[in-house]
C-alpha atoms as a PDB file:
ATOM      1  CA  MET A   1      -3.639-146.282  53.044  1.00  0.00           C
ATOM      2  CA  LEU A   2      -5.582-147.593  50.074  1.00  0.00           C
ATOM      3  CA  SER A   3      -2.448-148.405  48.077  1.00  0.00           C
ATOM      4  CA  GLY A   4      -2.390-151.955  49.439  1.00  0.00           C
ATOM      5  CA  TRP A   5      -6.136-152.371  49.076  1.00  0.00           C
ATOM      6  CA  ARG A   6      -7.020-151.038  45.677  1.00  0.00           C
ATOM      7  CA  VAL A   7      -6.062-153.529  43.006  1.00  0.00           C
ATOM      8  CA  GLN A   8      -6.668-152.966  39.294  1.00  0.00           C
ATOM      9  CA  ASN A   9      -9.936-154.638  38.253  1.00  0.00           C
ATOM     10  CA  ASP A  10     -10.705-155.635  41.856  1.00  0.00           C
ATOM     11  CA  THR A  11     -14.458-156.179  42.046  1.00  0.00           C
ATOM     12  CA  ALA A  12     -14.386-156.925  45.800  1.00  0.00           C
ATOM     13  CA  TRP A  13     -13.411-153.376  46.775  1.00  0.00           C
ATOM     14  CA  HIS A  14     -15.894-150.551  46.238  1.00  0.00           C
ATOM     15  CA  ASP A  15     -15.431-146.789  46.189  1.00  0.00           C
ATOM     16  CA  ASP A  16     -18.105-146.559  48.900  1.00  0.00           C
ATOM     17  CA  TYR A  17     -15.848-148.331  51.422  1.00  0.00           C
ATOM     18  CA  VAL A  18     -14.163-145.922  53.827  1.00  0.00           C
ATOM     19  CA  ILE A  19     -11.237-147.231  55.868  1.00  0.00           C
ATOM     20  CA  PHE A  20     -11.136-145.594  59.294  1.00  0.00           C
ATOM     21  CA  ALA A  21      -8.647-147.809  61.135  1.00  0.00           C
ATOM     22  CA  GLU A  22      -5.596-149.819  60.092  1.00  0.00           C
ATOM     23  CA  ARG A  23      -2.946-151.775  61.919  1.00  0.00           C
ATOM     24  CA  ASN A  24      -0.412-154.041  60.227  1.00  0.00           C
ATOM     25  CA  GLY A  25      -2.599-154.412  57.155  1.00  0.00           C
ATOM     26  CA  VAL A  26      -5.748-155.290  59.114  1.00  0.00           C
ATOM     27  CA  VAL A  27      -8.441-152.675  58.553  1.00  0.00           C
ATOM     28  CA  LEU A  28     -11.830-151.540  59.767  1.00  0.00           C
ATOM     29  CA  PHE A  29     -14.031-149.903  57.175  1.00  0.00           C
ATOM     30  CA  CYS A  30     -17.622-148.876  56.669  1.00  0.00           C
ATOM     31  CA  ASP A  31     -19.787-149.140  53.580  1.00  0.00           C
ATOM     32  CA  THR A  32     -21.142-145.640  52.981  1.00  0.00           C
ATOM     33  CA  LYS A  33     -23.434-146.798  50.172  1.00  0.00           C
ATOM     34  CA  ASN A  34     -25.745-148.199  52.862  1.00  0.00           C
ATOM     35  CA  ILE A  35     -27.468-145.472  54.920  1.00  0.00           C
ATOM     36  CA  THR A  36     -26.489-147.184  58.202  1.00  0.00           C
ATOM     37  CA  SER A  37     -22.843-147.584  57.089  1.00  0.00           C
ATOM     38  CA  PRO A  38     -22.246-151.137  58.330  1.00  0.00           C
ATOM     39  CA  VAL A  39     -18.766-151.763  59.720  1.00  0.00           C
ATOM     40  CA  TYR A  40     -16.513-154.529  58.445  1.00  0.00           C
ATOM     41  CA  GLY A  41     -13.150-155.907  59.393  1.00  0.00           C
ATOM     42  CA  SER A  42     -10.732-157.162  56.801  1.00  0.00           C
ATOM     43  CA  ILE A  43      -7.853-159.531  57.453  1.00  0.00           C
ATOM     44  CA  GLN A  44      -5.767-160.518  54.440  1.00  0.00           C
ATOM     45  CA  LYS A  45      -8.480-158.943  52.283  1.00  0.00           C
ATOM     46  CA  ARG A  46     -11.169-161.274  53.664  1.00  0.00           C
ATOM     47  CA  ASN A  47     -14.060-159.109  54.796  1.00  0.00           C
ATOM     48  CA  PHE A  48     -16.419-159.880  57.688  1.00  0.00           C
ATOM     49  CA  ILE A  49     -19.165-157.816  59.275  1.00  0.00           C
ATOM     50  CA  ILE A  50     -18.553-156.376  62.727  1.00  0.00           C
ATOM     51  CA  SER A  51     -21.599-154.160  63.177  1.00  0.00           C
ATOM     52  CA  SER A  52     -24.761-153.453  61.219  1.00  0.00           C
ATOM     53  CA  SER A  53     -24.163-149.716  61.585  1.00  0.00           C
ATOM     54  CA  LEU A  54     -21.362-147.253  62.228  1.00  0.00           C
ATOM     55  CA  ALA A  55     -23.441-145.697  65.034  1.00  0.00           C
ATOM     56  CA  ASP A  56     -23.760-149.039  66.864  1.00  0.00           C
ATOM     57  CA  PHE A  57     -20.057-149.722  66.386  1.00  0.00           C
ATOM     58  CA  LEU A  58     -19.086-146.337  67.826  1.00  0.00           C
ATOM     59  CA  ASP A  59     -21.468-146.763  70.784  1.00  0.00           C
ATOM     60  CA  SER A  60     -19.858-150.119  71.619  1.00  0.00           C
ATOM     61  CA  PHE A  61     -16.360-148.734  71.097  1.00  0.00           C
ATOM     62  CA  CYS A  62     -17.050-145.817  73.451  1.00  0.00           C
ATOM     63  CA  SER A  63     -18.497-148.210  76.052  1.00  0.00           C
ATOM     64  CA  ALA A  64     -15.366-150.360  75.811  1.00  0.00           C
ATOM     65  CA  ILE A  65     -13.159-147.311  76.353  1.00  0.00           C
ATOM     66  CA  GLU A  66     -15.271-146.296  79.340  1.00  0.00           C
ATOM     67  CA  ILE A  67     -14.834-149.764  80.882  1.00  0.00           C
ATOM     68  CA  GLU A  68     -11.098-149.624  80.178  1.00  0.00           C
ATOM     69  CA  GLN A  69     -10.735-146.263  81.900  1.00  0.00           C
ATOM     70  CA  SER A  70     -13.262-146.421  84.739  1.00  0.00           C
ATOM     71  CA  LYS A  71     -12.755-150.011  85.890  1.00  0.00           C
ATOM     72  CA  TYR A  72      -9.148-150.709  84.880  1.00  0.00           C
ATOM     73  CA  ASP A  73      -7.586-147.231  84.810  1.00  0.00           C
ATOM     74  CA  GLY A  74      -6.231-148.078  81.360  1.00  0.00           C
ATOM     75  CA  ASP A  75      -4.361-151.171  82.582  1.00  0.00           C
ATOM     76  CA  VAL A  76      -5.968-153.874  80.421  1.00  0.00           C
ATOM     77  CA  THR A  77      -2.957-155.904  79.297  1.00  0.00           C
ATOM     78  CA  ALA A  78      -1.124-158.669  81.132  1.00  0.00           C
ATOM     79  CA  ASP A  79       2.655-158.953  81.360  1.00  0.00           C
ATOM     80  CA  ASP A  80       2.691-160.768  78.010  1.00  0.00           C
ATOM     81  CA  PHE A  81       0.903-157.766  76.390  1.00  0.00           C
ATOM     82  CA  ASN A  82      -2.264-159.778  75.711  1.00  0.00           C
ATOM     83  CA  PHE A  83      -5.551-158.413  77.002  1.00  0.00           C
ATOM     84  CA  ARG A  84      -6.440-159.418  80.539  1.00  0.00           C
ATOM     85  CA  GLU A  85      -9.118-162.124  80.759  1.00  0.00           C
ATOM     86  CA  ASP A  86     -11.246-160.130  83.219  1.00  0.00           C
ATOM     87  CA  PHE A  87     -11.259-157.146  80.851  1.00  0.00           C
ATOM     88  CA  LEU A  88     -12.278-159.342  77.904  1.00  0.00           C
ATOM     89  CA  LYS A  89     -15.100-160.845  79.984  1.00  0.00           C
ATOM     90  CA  ASP A  90     -16.347-157.354  80.851  1.00  0.00           C
ATOM     91  CA  ILE A  91     -16.279-156.340  77.179  1.00  0.00           C
ATOM     92  CA  ASP A  92     -18.060-159.551  76.175  1.00  0.00           C
ATOM     93  CA  LEU A  93     -20.765-158.911  78.779  1.00  0.00           C
ATOM     94  CA  MET A  94     -21.164-155.318  77.613  1.00  0.00           C
ATOM     95  CA  LEU A  95     -21.567-156.452  73.989  1.00  0.00           C
ATOM     96  CA  LYS A  96     -24.118-159.089  74.930  1.00  0.00           C
ATOM     97  CA  THR A  97     -26.231-156.660  76.959  1.00  0.00           C
ATOM     98  CA  SER A  98     -26.119-153.675  74.613  1.00  0.00           C
END
Protein backbone atom coordinates (compact mmCIF):
# COMPACT_ATOMS: atom_id res chain seq x y z
CA MET A 1 0.00 0.00 0.00
CA LEU A 2 2.88 2.36 0.65
CA SER A 3 4.26 2.04 -2.88
CA GLY A 4 2.24 5.04 -4.04
CA TRP A 5 2.99 7.02 -0.90
CA ARG A 6 6.67 6.61 -0.26
CA VAL A 7 8.66 8.79 -2.62
CA GLN A 8 12.46 9.00 -2.58
CA ASN A 9 13.57 12.00 -0.50
CA ASP A 10 9.97 12.76 0.52
CA THR A 11 10.16 14.79 3.72
CA ALA A 12 6.36 14.97 4.11
CA TRP A 13 5.98 11.24 4.80
CA HIS A 14 7.37 9.80 8.03
CA ASP A 15 8.09 6.22 9.06
CA ASP A 16 5.84 6.79 12.09
CA TYR A 17 2.75 7.13 9.87
CA VAL A 18 0.67 3.96 9.77
CA ILE A 19 -1.95 3.66 7.03
CA PHE A 20 -4.97 1.72 8.25
CA ALA A 21 -7.52 2.45 5.51
CA GLU A 22 -7.29 3.12 1.78
CA ARG A 23 -9.79 3.55 -1.01
CA ASN A 24 -8.91 4.75 -4.50
CA GLY A 25 -5.71 6.37 -3.28
CA VAL A 26 -7.38 8.23 -0.40
CA VAL A 27 -5.98 7.07 2.93
CA LEU A 28 -6.50 7.30 6.66
CA PHE A 29 -3.38 7.07 8.76
CA CYS A 30 -2.22 7.70 12.29
CA ASP A 31 1.01 9.23 13.53
CA THR A 32 2.45 6.71 15.99
CA LYS A 33 5.25 9.06 17.05
CA ASN A 34 2.66 10.95 19.12
CA ILE A 35 1.41 8.95 22.13
CA THR A 36 -2.24 9.68 21.23
CA SER A 37 -1.71 8.66 17.58
CA PRO A 38 -3.68 11.45 15.90
CA VAL A 39 -5.60 10.40 12.80
CA TYR A 40 -5.19 12.11 9.45
CA GLY A 41 -6.82 11.83 6.08
CA SER A 42 -4.86 12.28 2.90
CA ILE A 43 -6.32 13.13 -0.48
CA GLN A 44 -3.86 13.53 -3.34
CA LYS A 45 -1.10 13.51 -0.71
CA ARG A 46 -2.55 16.56 1.08
CA ASN A 47 -2.86 15.67 4.74
CA PHE A 48 -5.51 16.98 7.14
CA ILE A 49 -6.30 16.07 10.72
CA ILE A 50 -9.45 14.09 11.41
CA SER A 51 -9.07 13.30 15.11
CA SER A 52 -6.62 14.23 17.84
CA SER A 53 -6.32 10.57 18.82
CA LEU A 54 -6.83 7.10 17.39
CA ALA A 55 -8.99 6.21 20.42
CA ASP A 56 -11.37 9.13 19.77
CA PHE A 57 -11.52 8.26 16.08
CA LEU A 58 -12.39 4.63 16.80
CA ASP A 59 -15.04 5.63 19.36
CA SER A 60 -16.71 7.88 16.77
CA PHE A 61 -16.39 5.24 14.06
CA CYS A 62 -18.02 2.61 16.28
CA SER A 63 -20.83 5.04 17.17
CA ALA A 64 -21.42 5.70 13.47
CA ILE A 65 -21.63 1.97 12.77
CA GLU A 66 -24.07 1.56 15.66
CA ILE A 67 -26.30 4.31 14.22
CA GLU A 68 -26.07 2.72 10.77
CA GLN A 69 -27.14 -0.68 12.09
CA SER A 70 -29.60 0.16 14.87
CA LYS A 71 -31.48 3.04 13.24
CA TYR A 72 -31.10 2.29 9.52
CA ASP A 73 -30.56 -1.48 9.46
CA GLY A 74 -27.55 -0.85 7.23
CA ASP A 75 -29.58 1.01 4.58
CA VAL A 76 -27.80 4.38 4.55
CA THR A 77 -27.49 5.10 0.83
CA ALA A 78 -30.05 6.59 -1.53
CA ASP A 79 -30.81 5.25 -5.00
CA ASP A 80 -27.91 7.29 -6.40
CA PHE A 81 -25.52 5.53 -3.94
CA ASN A 82 -24.85 8.74 -2.00
CA PHE A 83 -25.41 8.72 1.74
CA ARG A 84 -28.93 9.55 2.85
CA GLU A 85 -29.33 13.08 4.25
CA ASP A 86 -31.05 11.86 7.42
CA PHE A 87 -28.17 9.47 8.13
CA LEU A 88 -25.60 12.25 7.61
CA LYS A 89 -27.55 14.51 9.98
CA ASP A 90 -27.55 11.78 12.63
CA ILE A 91 -23.79 11.30 12.24
CA ASP A 92 -23.21 15.06 12.39
CA LEU A 93 -25.27 15.28 15.59
CA MET A 94 -23.38 12.36 17.11
CA LEU A 95 -20.03 14.00 16.32
CA LYS A 96 -21.13 17.32 17.78
CA THR A 97 -22.36 15.76 21.02
CA SER A 98 -19.51 13.31 21.62
